[in-house]
Amino acid sequence: MNLLWCAKSVEEKATLARMPVAIGEDMRGRVIPWATKNGADRYRGAWTTRERRMNHKQHWIQAQRAIGRPIIDLGQDPGRLNYPNPTSRYYGLEVQEAQGYPNYAKQSLPEPERLQLTGGNYH
């Protein structure tokens, strides 16, 4: 669910529209902790088939662009075998949809910070 859809007042919607969204590989270990620490929103998923999830995610990122939310890309997960290339097709879709968007910014998450955010658990 997008927090913006839950907003009750115009002021609350305006505040949420300025809140950045975080994207990247490893939601549990990197994206969610970073978003929580930095006051950002993130994709919260859809419980459906794989293809429908891809479609849902594509529409979600397009909606974030449409309302002008900053998109912060935390990048690929250094713990994955294919690093530094993306291994997640979901993350690949996010990056593809964010390309050319003026409010898109790459922000690599240093590995020590990631380990600190997750309490030292690697995955």
PDB file of N, CA and C in Angstrom:
ATOM      1  N   MET A   1       0.842  -1.167   0.000  1.00  0.00           N
ATOM      2  CA  MET A   1       0.000   0.000   0.000  1.00  0.00           C
ATOM      3  C   MET A   1       0.895   1.239   0.000  1.00  0.00           C
ATOM      4  N   ASN A   2       0.467   2.248  -0.689  1.00  0.00           N
ATOM      5  CA  ASN A   2       1.174   3.520  -0.728  1.00  0.00           C
ATOM      6  C   ASN A   2       0.620   4.388   0.393  1.00  0.00           C
ATOM      7  N   LEU A   3       1.490   4.961   1.204  1.00  0.00           N
ATOM      8  CA  LEU A   3       1.041   5.799   2.312  1.00  0.00           C
ATOM      9  C   LEU A   3       0.204   6.979   1.841  1.00  0.00           C
ATOM     10  N   LEU A   4       0.486   7.476   0.638  1.00  0.00           N
ATOM     11  CA  LEU A   4      -0.234   8.626   0.103  1.00  0.00           C
ATOM     12  C   LEU A   4      -1.728   8.328  -0.007  1.00  0.00           C
ATOM     13  N   TRP A   5      -2.080   7.094  -0.360  1.00  0.00           N
ATOM     14  CA  TRP A   5      -3.486   6.738  -0.515  1.00  0.00           C
ATOM     15  C   TRP A   5      -4.219   6.724   0.826  1.00  0.00           C
ATOM     16  N   CYS A   6      -3.488   6.606   1.928  1.00  0.00           N
ATOM     17  CA  CYS A   6      -4.096   6.565   3.252  1.00  0.00           C
ATOM     18  C   CYS A   6      -4.257   7.958   3.861  1.00  0.00           C
ATOM     19  N   ALA A   7      -3.639   8.953   3.259  1.00  0.00           N
ATOM     20  CA  ALA A   7      -3.666  10.304   3.812  1.00  0.00           C
ATOM     21  C   ALA A   7      -5.097  10.832   3.850  1.00  0.00           C
ATOM     22  N   LYS A   8      -5.429  11.502   4.944  1.00  0.00           N
ATOM     23  CA  LYS A   8      -6.790  11.988   5.138  1.00  0.00           C
ATOM     24  C   LYS A   8      -6.971  13.438   4.691  1.00  0.00           C
ATOM     25  N   SER A   9      -5.985  14.279   4.898  1.00  0.00           N
ATOM     26  CA  SER A   9      -6.131  15.700   4.582  1.00  0.00           C
ATOM     27  C   SER A   9      -5.236  16.097   3.417  1.00  0.00           C
ATOM     28  N   VAL A  10      -5.523  17.244   2.839  1.00  0.00           N
ATOM     29  CA  VAL A  10      -4.711  17.777   1.748  1.00  0.00           C
ATOM     30  C   VAL A  10      -3.290  18.039   2.244  1.00  0.00           C
ATOM     31  N   GLU A  11      -3.160  18.560   3.466  1.00  0.00           N
ATOM     32  CA  GLU A  11      -1.839  18.836   4.035  1.00  0.00           C
ATOM     33  C   GLU A  11      -1.041  17.555   4.220  1.00  0.00           C
ATOM     34  N   GLU A  12      -1.696  16.512   4.698  1.00  0.00           N
ATOM     35  CA  GLU A  12      -1.023  15.231   4.898  1.00  0.00           C
ATOM     36  C   GLU A  12      -0.582  14.655   3.549  1.00  0.00           C
ATOM     37  N   LYS A  13      -1.429  14.785   2.523  1.00  0.00           N
ATOM     38  CA  LYS A  13      -1.067  14.304   1.195  1.00  0.00           C
ATOM     39  C   LYS A  13       0.120  15.079   0.637  1.00  0.00           C
ATOM     40  N   ALA A  14       0.139  16.388   0.853  1.00  0.00           N
ATOM     41  CA  ALA A  14       1.254  17.208   0.357  1.00  0.00           C
ATOM     42  C   ALA A  14       2.553  16.808   1.046  1.00  0.00           C
ATOM     43  N   THR A  15       2.495  16.554   2.346  1.00  0.00           N
ATOM     44  CA  THR A  15       3.684  16.134   3.090  1.00  0.00           C
ATOM     45  C   THR A  15       4.177  14.782   2.587  1.00  0.00           C
ATOM     46  N   LEU A  16       3.278  13.831   2.407  1.00  0.00           N
ATOM     47  CA  LEU A  16       3.666  12.508   1.942  1.00  0.00           C
ATOM     48  C   LEU A  16       4.187  12.544   0.512  1.00  0.00           C
ATOM     49  N   ALA A  17       3.662  13.441  -0.319  1.00  0.00           N
ATOM     50  CA  ALA A  17       4.123  13.545  -1.708  1.00  0.00           C
ATOM     51  C   ALA A  17       5.580  14.001  -1.773  1.00  0.00           C
ATOM     52  N   ARG A  18       6.045  14.717  -0.756  1.00  0.00           N
ATOM     53  CA  ARG A  18       7.448  15.159  -0.714  1.00  0.00           C
ATOM     54  C   ARG A  18       8.367  14.103  -0.107  1.00  0.00           C
ATOM     55  N   MET A  19       7.800  13.119   0.585  1.00  0.00           N
ATOM     56  CA  MET A  19       8.592  12.061   1.213  1.00  0.00           C
ATOM     57  C   MET A  19       9.255  11.209   0.130  1.00  0.00           C
ATOM     58  N   PRO A  20      10.559  11.008   0.211  1.00  0.00           N
ATOM     59  CA  PRO A  20      11.212  10.180  -0.809  1.00  0.00           C
ATOM     60  C   PRO A  20      10.823   8.713  -0.681  1.00  0.00           C
ATOM     61  N   VAL A  21      11.041   7.984  -1.759  1.00  0.00           N
ATOM     62  CA  VAL A  21      10.870   6.537  -1.742  1.00  0.00           C
ATOM     63  C   VAL A  21      12.232   5.905  -1.996  1.00  0.00           C
ATOM     64  N   ALA A  22      12.493   4.813  -1.308  1.00  0.00           N
ATOM     65  CA  ALA A  22      13.763   4.107  -1.447  1.00  0.00           C
ATOM     66  C   ALA A  22      13.546   2.849  -2.277  1.00  0.00           C
ATOM     67  N   ILE A  23      14.493   2.585  -3.185  1.00  0.00           N
ATOM     68  CA  ILE A  23      14.487   1.354  -3.964  1.00  0.00           C
ATOM     69  C   ILE A  23      15.872   0.717  -3.848  1.00  0.00           C
ATOM     70  N   GLY A  24      15.982  -0.544  -4.183  1.00  0.00           N
ATOM     71  CA  GLY A  24      17.266  -1.232  -4.152  1.00  0.00           C
ATOM     72  C   GLY A  24      17.071  -2.713  -3.907  1.00  0.00           C
ATOM     73  N   GLU A  25      18.156  -3.457  -3.981  1.00  0.00           N
ATOM     74  CA  GLU A  25      18.103  -4.896  -3.707  1.00  0.00           C
ATOM     75  C   GLU A  25      18.171  -5.146  -2.207  1.00  0.00           C
ATOM     76  N   ASP A  26      17.578  -6.244  -1.793  1.00  0.00           N
ATOM     77  CA  ASP A  26      17.540  -6.710  -0.408  1.00  0.00           C
ATOM     78  C   ASP A  26      16.666  -5.798   0.452  1.00  0.00           C
ATOM     79  N   MET A  27      15.379  -5.931   0.264  1.00  0.00           N
ATOM     80  CA  MET A  27      14.424  -5.102   1.005  1.00  0.00           C
ATOM     81  C   MET A  27      14.625  -5.226   2.511  1.00  0.00           C
ATOM     82  N   ARG A  28      14.691  -6.465   3.021  1.00  0.00           N
ATOM     83  CA  ARG A  28      14.783  -6.671   4.466  1.00  0.00           C
ATOM     84  C   ARG A  28      16.086  -6.162   5.066  1.00  0.00           C
ATOM     85  N   GLY A  29      17.191  -6.408   4.376  1.00  0.00           N
ATOM     86  CA  GLY A  29      18.495  -6.074   4.938  1.00  0.00           C
ATOM     87  C   GLY A  29      18.993  -4.677   4.640  1.00  0.00           C
ATOM     88  N   ARG A  30      18.471  -4.046   3.584  1.00  0.00           N
ATOM     89  CA  ARG A  30      19.017  -2.747   3.176  1.00  0.00           C
ATOM     90  C   ARG A  30      17.949  -1.675   3.023  1.00  0.00           C
ATOM     91  N   VAL A  31      16.940  -1.931   2.191  1.00  0.00           N
ATOM     92  CA  VAL A  31      15.981  -0.883   1.834  1.00  0.00           C
ATOM     93  C   VAL A  31      15.082  -0.492   3.006  1.00  0.00           C
ATOM     94  N   ILE A  32      14.459  -1.471   3.650  1.00  0.00           N
ATOM     95  CA  ILE A  32      13.555  -1.158   4.761  1.00  0.00           C
ATOM     96  C   ILE A  32      14.291  -0.473   5.915  1.00  0.00           C
ATOM     97  N   PRO A  33      15.452  -0.994   6.372  1.00  0.00           N
ATOM     98  CA  PRO A  33      16.150  -0.287   7.453  1.00  0.00           C
ATOM     99  C   PRO A  33      16.559   1.139   7.068  1.00  0.00           C
ATOM    100  N   TRP A  34      17.045   1.325   5.829  1.00  0.00           N
ATOM    101  CA  TRP A  34      17.456   2.665   5.402  1.00  0.00           C
ATOM    102  C   TRP A  34      16.248   3.597   5.338  1.00  0.00           C
ATOM    103  N   ALA A  35      15.144   3.117   4.776  1.00  0.00           N
ATOM    104  CA  ALA A  35      13.935   3.936   4.656  1.00  0.00           C
ATOM    105  C   ALA A  35      13.419   4.330   6.039  1.00  0.00           C
ATOM    106  N   THR A  36      13.408   3.393   6.954  1.00  0.00           N
ATOM    107  CA  THR A  36      12.945   3.671   8.315  1.00  0.00           C
ATOM    108  C   THR A  36      13.832   4.709   8.991  1.00  0.00           C
ATOM    109  N   LYS A  37      15.126   4.536   8.875  1.00  0.00           N
ATOM    110  CA  LYS A  37      16.083   5.457   9.502  1.00  0.00           C
ATOM    111  C   LYS A  37      16.021   6.864   8.905  1.00  0.00           C
ATOM    112  N   ASN A  38      15.706   6.957   7.603  1.00  0.00           N
ATOM    113  CA  ASN A  38      15.777   8.238   6.904  1.00  0.00           C
ATOM    114  C   ASN A  38      14.416   8.830   6.543  1.00  0.00           C
ATOM    115  N   GLY A  39      13.345   8.298   7.086  1.00  0.00           N
ATOM    116  CA  GLY A  39      12.021   8.864   6.864  1.00  0.00           C
ATOM    117  C   GLY A  39      11.524   8.740   5.433  1.00  0.00           C
ATOM    118  N   ALA A  40      11.881   7.657   4.774  1.00  0.00           N
ATOM    119  CA  ALA A  40      11.461   7.442   3.389  1.00  0.00           C
ATOM    120  C   ALA A  40      10.383   6.357   3.331  1.00  0.00           C
ATOM    121  N   ASP A  41       9.658   6.353   2.259  1.00  0.00           N
ATOM    122  CA  ASP A  41       8.673   5.311   1.989  1.00  0.00           C
ATOM    123  C   ASP A  41       9.360   4.250   1.128  1.00  0.00           C
ATOM    124  N   ARG A  42       8.682   3.151   0.873  1.00  0.00           N
ATOM    125  CA  ARG A  42       9.228   2.099   0.022  1.00  0.00           C
ATOM    126  C   ARG A  42       8.074   1.239  -0.466  1.00  0.00           C
ATOM    127  N   TYR A  43       8.354   0.435  -1.475  1.00  0.00           N
ATOM    128  CA  TYR A  43       7.339  -0.458  -2.021  1.00  0.00           C
ATOM    129  C   TYR A  43       6.976  -1.492  -0.968  1.00  0.00           C
ATOM    130  N   ARG A  44       5.687  -1.688  -0.772  1.00  0.00           N
ATOM    131  CA  ARG A  44       5.232  -2.593   0.275  1.00  0.00           C
ATOM    132  C   ARG A  44       4.686  -3.908  -0.252  1.00  0.00           C
ATOM    133  N   GLY A  45       4.717  -4.086  -1.546  1.00  0.00           N
ATOM    134  CA  GLY A  45       4.399  -5.379  -2.127  1.00  0.00           C
ATOM    135  C   GLY A  45       2.934  -5.607  -2.430  1.00  0.00           C
ATOM    136  N   ALA A  46       2.714  -6.704  -3.126  1.00  0.00           N
ATOM    137  CA  ALA A  46       1.369  -7.153  -3.477  1.00  0.00           C
ATOM    138  C   ALA A  46       1.363  -8.671  -3.394  1.00  0.00           C
ATOM    139  N   TRP A  47       0.400  -9.228  -2.690  1.00  0.00           N
ATOM    140  CA  TRP A  47       0.316 -10.683  -2.540  1.00  0.00           C
ATOM    141  C   TRP A  47      -0.478 -11.246  -3.698  1.00  0.00           C
ATOM    142  N   THR A  48       0.226 -11.576  -4.759  1.00  0.00           N
ATOM    143  CA  THR A  48      -0.405 -12.098  -5.964  1.00  0.00           C
ATOM    144  C   THR A  48       0.626 -12.897  -6.750  1.00  0.00           C
ATOM    145  N   THR A  49       0.336 -13.232  -7.986  1.00  0.00           N
ATOM    146  CA  THR A  49       1.278 -14.005  -8.802  1.00  0.00           C
ATOM    147  C   THR A  49       2.508 -13.171  -9.133  1.00  0.00           C
ATOM    148  N   ARG A  50       3.582 -13.840  -9.519  1.00  0.00           N
ATOM    149  CA  ARG A  50       4.840 -13.163  -9.848  1.00  0.00           C
ATOM    150  C   ARG A  50       4.649 -12.112 -10.947  1.00  0.00           C
ATOM    151  N   GLU A  51       3.949 -12.479 -12.014  1.00  0.00           N
ATOM    152  CA  GLU A  51       3.741 -11.536 -13.121  1.00  0.00           C
ATOM    153  C   GLU A  51       2.898 -10.341 -12.686  1.00  0.00           C
ATOM    154  N   ARG A  52       1.892 -10.592 -11.884  1.00  0.00           N
ATOM    155  CA  ARG A  52       1.070  -9.484 -11.391  1.00  0.00           C
ATOM    156  C   ARG A  52       1.859  -8.591 -10.442  1.00  0.00           C
ATOM    157  N   ARG A  53       2.762  -9.188  -9.664  1.00  0.00           N
ATOM    158  CA  ARG A  53       3.625  -8.370  -8.784  1.00  0.00           C
ATOM    159  C   ARG A  53       4.493  -7.444  -9.611  1.00  0.00           C
ATOM    160  N   MET A  54       5.047  -7.965 -10.707  1.00  0.00           N
ATOM    161  CA  MET A  54       5.876  -7.124 -11.580  1.00  0.00           C
ATOM    162  C   MET A  54       5.050  -5.968 -12.135  1.00  0.00           C
ATOM    163  N   ASN A  55       3.842  -6.273 -12.567  1.00  0.00           N
ATOM    164  CA  ASN A  55       2.953  -5.247 -13.104  1.00  0.00           C
ATOM    165  C   ASN A  55       2.584  -4.232 -12.017  1.00  0.00           C
ATOM    166  N   HIS A  56       2.272  -4.740 -10.819  1.00  0.00           N
ATOM    167  CA  HIS A  56       1.917  -3.868  -9.698  1.00  0.00           C
ATOM    168  C   HIS A  56       3.086  -2.951  -9.348  1.00  0.00           C
ATOM    169  N   LYS A  57       4.284  -3.507  -9.302  1.00  0.00           N
ATOM    170  CA  LYS A  57       5.470  -2.710  -8.976  1.00  0.00           C
ATOM    171  C   LYS A  57       5.722  -1.658 -10.049  1.00  0.00           C
ATOM    172  N   GLN A  58       5.551  -2.022 -11.301  1.00  0.00           N
ATOM    173  CA  GLN A  58       5.752  -1.068 -12.394  1.00  0.00           C
ATOM    174  C   GLN A  58       4.775   0.102 -12.258  1.00  0.00           C
ATOM    175  N   HIS A  59       3.519  -0.191 -11.983  1.00  0.00           N
ATOM    176  CA  HIS A  59       2.530   0.878 -11.809  1.00  0.00           C
ATOM    177  C   HIS A  59       2.839   1.717 -10.571  1.00  0.00           C
ATOM    178  N   TRP A  60       3.314   1.067  -9.517  1.00  0.00           N
ATOM    179  CA  TRP A  60       3.651   1.790  -8.289  1.00  0.00           C
ATOM    180  C   TRP A  60       4.767   2.807  -8.550  1.00  0.00           C
ATOM    181  N   ILE A  61       5.844   2.384  -9.208  1.00  0.00           N
ATOM    182  CA  ILE A  61       6.967   3.300  -9.444  1.00  0.00           C
ATOM    183  C   ILE A  61       6.552   4.419 -10.399  1.00  0.00           C
ATOM    184  N   GLN A  62       5.703   4.097 -11.360  1.00  0.00           N
ATOM    185  CA  GLN A  62       5.185   5.128 -12.261  1.00  0.00           C
ATOM    186  C   GLN A  62       4.336   6.143 -11.492  1.00  0.00           C
ATOM    187  N   ALA A  63       3.562   5.664 -10.528  1.00  0.00           N
ATOM    188  CA  ALA A  63       2.749   6.566  -9.706  1.00  0.00           C
ATOM    189  C   ALA A  63       3.626   7.477  -8.852  1.00  0.00           C
ATOM    190  N   GLN A  64       4.739   6.941  -8.332  1.00  0.00           N
ATOM    191  CA  GLN A  64       5.646   7.768  -7.533  1.00  0.00           C
ATOM    192  C   GLN A  64       6.227   8.893  -8.388  1.00  0.00           C
ATOM    193  N   ARG A  65       6.595   8.554  -9.609  1.00  0.00           N
ATOM    194  CA  ARG A  65       7.098   9.565 -10.556  1.00  0.00           C
ATOM    195  C   ARG A  65       6.023  10.604 -10.857  1.00  0.00           C
ATOM    196  N   ALA A  66       4.798  10.142 -11.084  1.00  0.00           N
ATOM    197  CA  ALA A  66       3.706  11.035 -11.483  1.00  0.00           C
ATOM    198  C   ALA A  66       3.404  12.094 -10.424  1.00  0.00           C
ATOM    199  N   ILE A  67       3.577  11.734  -9.148  1.00  0.00           N
ATOM    200  CA  ILE A  67       3.305  12.727  -8.095  1.00  0.00           C
ATOM    201  C   ILE A  67       4.571  13.479  -7.674  1.00  0.00           C
ATOM    202  N   GLY A  68       5.687  13.161  -8.313  1.00  0.00           N
ATOM    203  CA  GLY A  68       6.910  13.932  -8.095  1.00  0.00           C
ATOM    204  C   GLY A  68       7.747  13.543  -6.895  1.00  0.00           C
ATOM    205  N   ARG A  69       7.539  12.339  -6.364  1.00  0.00           N
ATOM    206  CA  ARG A  69       8.312  11.931  -5.184  1.00  0.00           C
ATOM    207  C   ARG A  69       9.766  11.658  -5.560  1.00  0.00           C
ATOM    208  N   PRO A  70      10.708  12.099  -4.732  1.00  0.00           N
ATOM    209  CA  PRO A  70      12.110  11.748  -4.967  1.00  0.00           C
ATOM    210  C   PRO A  70      12.301  10.233  -4.839  1.00  0.00           C
ATOM    211  N   ILE A  71      13.068   9.653  -5.751  1.00  0.00           N
ATOM    212  CA  ILE A  71      13.374   8.220  -5.715  1.00  0.00           C
ATOM    213  C   ILE A  71      14.852   8.065  -5.395  1.00  0.00           C
ATOM    214  N   ILE A  72      15.145   7.426  -4.270  1.00  0.00           N
ATOM    215  CA  ILE A  72      16.515   7.196  -3.819  1.00  0.00           C
ATOM    216  C   ILE A  72      16.856   5.732  -4.090  1.00  0.00           C
ATOM    217  N   ASP A  73      17.852   5.510  -4.936  1.00  0.00           N
ATOM    218  CA  ASP A  73      18.268   4.167  -5.327  1.00  0.00           C
ATOM    219  C   ASP A  73      19.473   3.743  -4.494  1.00  0.00           C
ATOM    220  N   LEU A  74      19.275   2.748  -3.634  1.00  0.00           N
ATOM    221  CA  LEU A  74      20.345   2.258  -2.772  1.00  0.00           C
ATOM    222  C   LEU A  74      21.241   1.243  -3.471  1.00  0.00           C
ATOM    223  N   GLY A  75      20.890   0.890  -4.693  1.00  0.00           N
ATOM    224  CA  GLY A  75      21.767   0.057  -5.506  1.00  0.00           C
ATOM    225  C   GLY A  75      21.649  -1.431  -5.256  1.00  0.00           C
ATOM    226  N   GLN A  76      22.640  -2.125  -5.838  1.00  0.00           N
ATOM    227  CA  GLN A  76      22.690  -3.579  -5.784  1.00  0.00           C
ATOM    228  C   GLN A  76      23.194  -4.045  -4.424  1.00  0.00           C
ATOM    229  N   ASP A  77      22.827  -5.263  -4.093  1.00  0.00           N
ATOM    230  CA  ASP A  77      23.248  -5.881  -2.828  1.00  0.00           C
ATOM    231  C   ASP A  77      24.638  -6.490  -3.002  1.00  0.00           C
ATOM    232  N   PRO A  78      25.649  -5.973  -2.272  1.00  0.00           N
ATOM    233  CA  PRO A  78      27.000  -6.511  -2.408  1.00  0.00           C
ATOM    234  C   PRO A  78      27.138  -7.970  -1.983  1.00  0.00           C
ATOM    235  N   GLY A  79      26.157  -8.510  -1.289  1.00  0.00           N
ATOM    236  CA  GLY A  79      26.219  -9.896  -0.844  1.00  0.00           C
ATOM    237  C   GLY A  79      25.728 -10.899  -1.869  1.00  0.00           C
ATOM    238  N   ARG A  80      25.274 -10.443  -3.006  1.00  0.00           N
ATOM    239  CA  ARG A  80      24.744 -11.359  -4.019  1.00  0.00           C
ATOM    240  C   ARG A  80      25.823 -11.756  -5.014  1.00  0.00           C
ATOM    241  N   LEU A  81      25.684 -12.941  -5.566  1.00  0.00           N
ATOM    242  CA  LEU A  81      26.709 -13.502  -6.437  1.00  0.00           C
ATOM    243  C   LEU A  81      26.991 -12.654  -7.674  1.00  0.00           C
ATOM    244  N   ASN A  82      26.004 -12.045  -8.246  1.00  0.00           N
ATOM    245  CA  ASN A  82      26.160 -11.306  -9.493  1.00  0.00           C
ATOM    246  C   ASN A  82      26.639  -9.865  -9.293  1.00  0.00           C
ATOM    247  N   TYR A  83      26.867  -9.461  -8.034  1.00  0.00           N
ATOM    248  CA  TYR A  83      27.287  -8.094  -7.738  1.00  0.00           C
ATOM    249  C   TYR A  83      28.544  -7.758  -8.547  1.00  0.00           C
ATOM    250  N   PRO A  84      28.650  -6.588  -9.164  1.00  0.00           N
ATOM    251  CA  PRO A  84      27.835  -5.386  -8.990  1.00  0.00           C
ATOM    252  C   PRO A  84      26.646  -5.291  -9.937  1.00  0.00           C
ATOM    253  N   ASN A  85      26.327  -6.333 -10.668  1.00  0.00           N
ATOM    254  CA  ASN A  85      25.158  -6.305 -11.543  1.00  0.00           C
ATOM    255  C   ASN A  85      23.912  -6.644 -10.739  1.00  0.00           C
ATOM    256  N   PRO A  86      22.777  -6.083 -11.116  1.00  0.00           N
ATOM    257  CA  PRO A  86      21.533  -6.425 -10.410  1.00  0.00           C
ATOM    258  C   PRO A  86      21.206  -7.909 -10.583  1.00  0.00           C
ATOM    259  N   THR A  87      20.732  -8.540  -9.529  1.00  0.00           N
ATOM    260  CA  THR A  87      20.318  -9.933  -9.612  1.00  0.00           C
ATOM    261  C   THR A  87      18.811 -10.058  -9.470  1.00  0.00           C
ATOM    262  N   SER A  88      18.169  -9.032  -9.002  1.00  0.00           N
ATOM    263  CA  SER A  88      16.728  -9.054  -8.795  1.00  0.00           C
ATOM    264  C   SER A  88      16.018  -8.431  -9.990  1.00  0.00           C
ATOM    265  N   ARG A  89      15.108  -9.181 -10.592  1.00  0.00           N
ATOM    266  CA  ARG A  89      14.359  -8.605 -11.709  1.00  0.00           C
ATOM    267  C   ARG A  89      13.421  -7.505 -11.243  1.00  0.00           C
ATOM    268  N   TYR A  90      13.013  -7.551  -9.977  1.00  0.00           N
ATOM    269  CA  TYR A  90      12.174  -6.496  -9.427  1.00  0.00           C
ATOM    270  C   TYR A  90      12.962  -5.185  -9.331  1.00  0.00           C
ATOM    271  N   TYR A  91      14.188  -5.279  -8.835  1.00  0.00           N
ATOM    272  CA  TYR A  91      15.044  -4.093  -8.761  1.00  0.00           C
ATOM    273  C   TYR A  91      15.373  -3.591 -10.169  1.00  0.00           C
ATOM    274  N   GLY A  92      15.629  -4.507 -11.090  1.00  0.00           N
ATOM    275  CA  GLY A  92      15.894  -4.111 -12.472  1.00  0.00           C
ATOM    276  C   GLY A  92      14.739  -3.308 -13.057  1.00  0.00           C
ATOM    277  N   LEU A  93      13.513  -3.715 -12.754  1.00  0.00           N
ATOM    278  CA  LEU A  93      12.339  -2.985 -13.205  1.00  0.00           C
ATOM    279  C   LEU A  93      12.285  -1.591 -12.574  1.00  0.00           C
ATOM    280  N   GLU A  94      12.586  -1.510 -11.273  1.00  0.00           N
ATOM    281  CA  GLU A  94      12.587  -0.199 -10.598  1.00  0.00           C
ATOM    282  C   GLU A  94      13.562   0.757 -11.279  1.00  0.00           C
ATOM    283  N   VAL A  95      14.769   0.271 -11.533  1.00  0.00           N
ATOM    284  CA  VAL A  95      15.796   1.115 -12.161  1.00  0.00           C
ATOM    285  C   VAL A  95      15.358   1.532 -13.562  1.00  0.00           C
ATOM    286  N   GLN A  96      14.826   0.591 -14.312  1.00  0.00           N
ATOM    287  CA  GLN A  96      14.361   0.887 -15.665  1.00  0.00           C
ATOM    288  C   GLN A  96      13.289   1.981 -15.643  1.00  0.00           C
ATOM    289  N   GLU A  97      12.345   1.875 -14.731  1.00  0.00           N
ATOM    290  CA  GLU A  97      11.265   2.859 -14.635  1.00  0.00           C
ATOM    291  C   GLU A  97      11.754   4.218 -14.117  1.00  0.00           C
ATOM    292  N   ALA A  98      12.827   4.227 -13.350  1.00  0.00           N
ATOM    293  CA  ALA A  98      13.337   5.482 -12.775  1.00  0.00           C
ATOM    294  C   ALA A  98      14.287   6.227 -13.718  1.00  0.00           C
ATOM    295  N   GLN A  99      14.799   5.567 -14.745  1.00  0.00           N
ATOM    296  CA  GLN A  99      15.749   6.199 -15.660  1.00  0.00           C
ATOM    297  C   GLN A  99      15.144   7.442 -16.307  1.00  0.00           C
ATOM    298  N   GLY A 100      15.926   8.513 -16.329  1.00  0.00           N
ATOM    299  CA  GLY A 100      15.496   9.753 -16.954  1.00  0.00           C
ATOM    300  C   GLY A 100      14.599  10.608 -16.078  1.00  0.00           C
ATOM    301  N   TYR A 101      14.261  10.141 -14.898  1.00  0.00           N
ATOM    302  CA  TYR A 101      13.408  10.892 -13.971  1.00  0.00           C
ATOM    303  C   TYR A 101      14.273  11.899 -13.235  1.00  0.00           C
ATOM    304  N   PRO A 102      13.928  13.188 -13.274  1.00  0.00           N
ATOM    305  CA  PRO A 102      14.792  14.207 -12.659  1.00  0.00           C
ATOM    306  C   PRO A 102      14.937  14.089 -11.140  1.00  0.00           C
ATOM    307  N   ASN A 103      13.972  13.452 -10.453  1.00  0.00           N
ATOM    308  CA  ASN A 103      14.062  13.296  -8.997  1.00  0.00           C
ATOM    309  C   ASN A 103      14.621  11.937  -8.587  1.00  0.00           C
ATOM    310  N   TYR A 104      15.418  11.322  -9.466  1.00  0.00           N
ATOM    311  CA  TYR A 104      16.044  10.027  -9.197  1.00  0.00           C
ATOM    312  C   TYR A 104      17.489  10.254  -8.797  1.00  0.00           C
ATOM    313  N   ALA A 105      17.910   9.624  -7.703  1.00  0.00           N
ATOM    314  CA  ALA A 105      19.297   9.769  -7.249  1.00  0.00           C
ATOM    315  C   ALA A 105      19.825   8.420  -6.764  1.00  0.00           C
ATOM    316  N   LYS A 106      21.056   8.108  -7.158  1.00  0.00           N
ATOM    317  CA  LYS A 106      21.745   6.911  -6.663  1.00  0.00           C
ATOM    318  C   LYS A 106      22.391   7.268  -5.334  1.00  0.00           C
ATOM    319  N   GLN A 107      22.234   6.425  -4.363  1.00  0.00           N
ATOM    320  CA  GLN A 107      22.906   6.606  -3.079  1.00  0.00           C
ATOM    321  C   GLN A 107      23.365   5.241  -2.599  1.00  0.00           C
ATOM    322  N   SER A 108      24.607   4.935  -2.847  1.00  0.00           N
ATOM    323  CA  SER A 108      25.130   3.638  -2.427  1.00  0.00           C
ATOM    324  C   SER A 108      25.144   3.560  -0.915  1.00  0.00           C
ATOM    325  N   LEU A 109      24.798   2.411  -0.425  1.00  0.00           N
ATOM    326  CA  LEU A 109      24.787   2.175   1.016  1.00  0.00           C
ATOM    327  C   LEU A 109      26.049   1.418   1.374  1.00  0.00           C
ATOM    328  N   PRO A 110      26.979   2.052   2.077  1.00  0.00           N
ATOM    329  CA  PRO A 110      28.215   1.361   2.447  1.00  0.00           C
ATOM    330  C   PRO A 110      27.920   0.110   3.272  1.00  0.00           C
ATOM    331  N   GLU A 111      28.668  -0.942   3.014  1.00  0.00           N
ATOM    332  CA  GLU A 111      28.444  -2.216   3.694  1.00  0.00           C
ATOM    333  C   GLU A 111      28.484  -2.106   5.216  1.00  0.00           C
ATOM    334  N   PRO A 112      29.430  -1.372   5.828  1.00  0.00           N
ATOM    335  CA  PRO A 112      29.406  -1.275   7.298  1.00  0.00           C
ATOM    336  C   PRO A 112      28.107  -0.667   7.826  1.00  0.00           C
ATOM    337  N   GLU A 113      27.546   0.311   7.109  1.00  0.00           N
ATOM    338  CA  GLU A 113      26.281   0.904   7.549  1.00  0.00           C
ATOM    339  C   GLU A 113      25.159  -0.120   7.453  1.00  0.00           C
ATOM    340  N   ARG A 114      25.181  -0.921   6.400  1.00  0.00           N
ATOM    341  CA  ARG A 114      24.159  -1.946   6.239  1.00  0.00           C
ATOM    342  C   ARG A 114      24.215  -2.935   7.395  1.00  0.00           C
ATOM    343  N   LEU A 115      25.397  -3.370   7.738  1.00  0.00           N
ATOM    344  CA  LEU A 115      25.535  -4.332   8.834  1.00  0.00           C
ATOM    345  C   LEU A 115      25.101  -3.714  10.155  1.00  0.00           C
ATOM    346  N   GLN A 116      25.362  -2.429  10.333  1.00  0.00           N
ATOM    347  CA  GLN A 116      24.951  -1.750  11.554  1.00  0.00           C
ATOM    348  C   GLN A 116      23.419  -1.654  11.612  1.00  0.00           C
ATOM    349  N   LEU A 117      22.786  -1.340  10.475  1.00  0.00           N
ATOM    350  CA  LEU A 117      21.332  -1.208  10.434  1.00  0.00           C
ATOM    351  C   LEU A 117      20.638  -2.535  10.704  1.00  0.00           C
ATOM    352  N   THR A 118      21.225  -3.632  10.278  1.00  0.00           N
ATOM    353  CA  THR A 118      20.567  -4.933  10.420  1.00  0.00           C
ATOM    354  C   THR A 118      21.064  -5.706  11.632  1.00  0.00           C
ATOM    355  N   GLY A 119      21.858  -5.083  12.461  1.00  0.00           N
ATOM    356  CA  GLY A 119      22.362  -5.745  13.646  1.00  0.00           C
ATOM    357  C   GLY A 119      23.443  -6.770  13.361  1.00  0.00           C
ATOM    358  N   GLY A 120      24.121  -6.618  12.223  1.00  0.00           N
ATOM    359  CA  GLY A 120      25.217  -7.511  11.889  1.00  0.00           C
ATOM    360  C   GLY A 120      24.814  -8.742  11.104  1.00  0.00           C
ATOM    361  N   ASN A 121      23.530  -8.919  10.853  1.00  0.00           N
ATOM    362  CA  ASN A 121      23.079 -10.078  10.066  1.00  0.00           C
ATOM    363  C   ASN A 121      23.323  -9.801   8.602  1.00  0.00           C
ATOM    364  N   TYR A 122      23.933 -10.751   7.926  1.00  0.00           N
ATOM    365  CA  TYR A 122      24.254 -10.503   6.519  1.00  0.00           C
ATOM    366  C   TYR A 122      23.028 -10.646   5.642  1.00  0.00           C
ATOM    367  N   HIS A 123      22.171 -11.620   5.880  1.00  0.00           N
ATOM    368  CA  HIS A 123      20.943 -11.750   5.087  1.00  0.00           C
ATOM    369  C   HIS A 123      19.798 -12.079   5.969  1.00  0.00           C
TER     370      HIS A 123
END
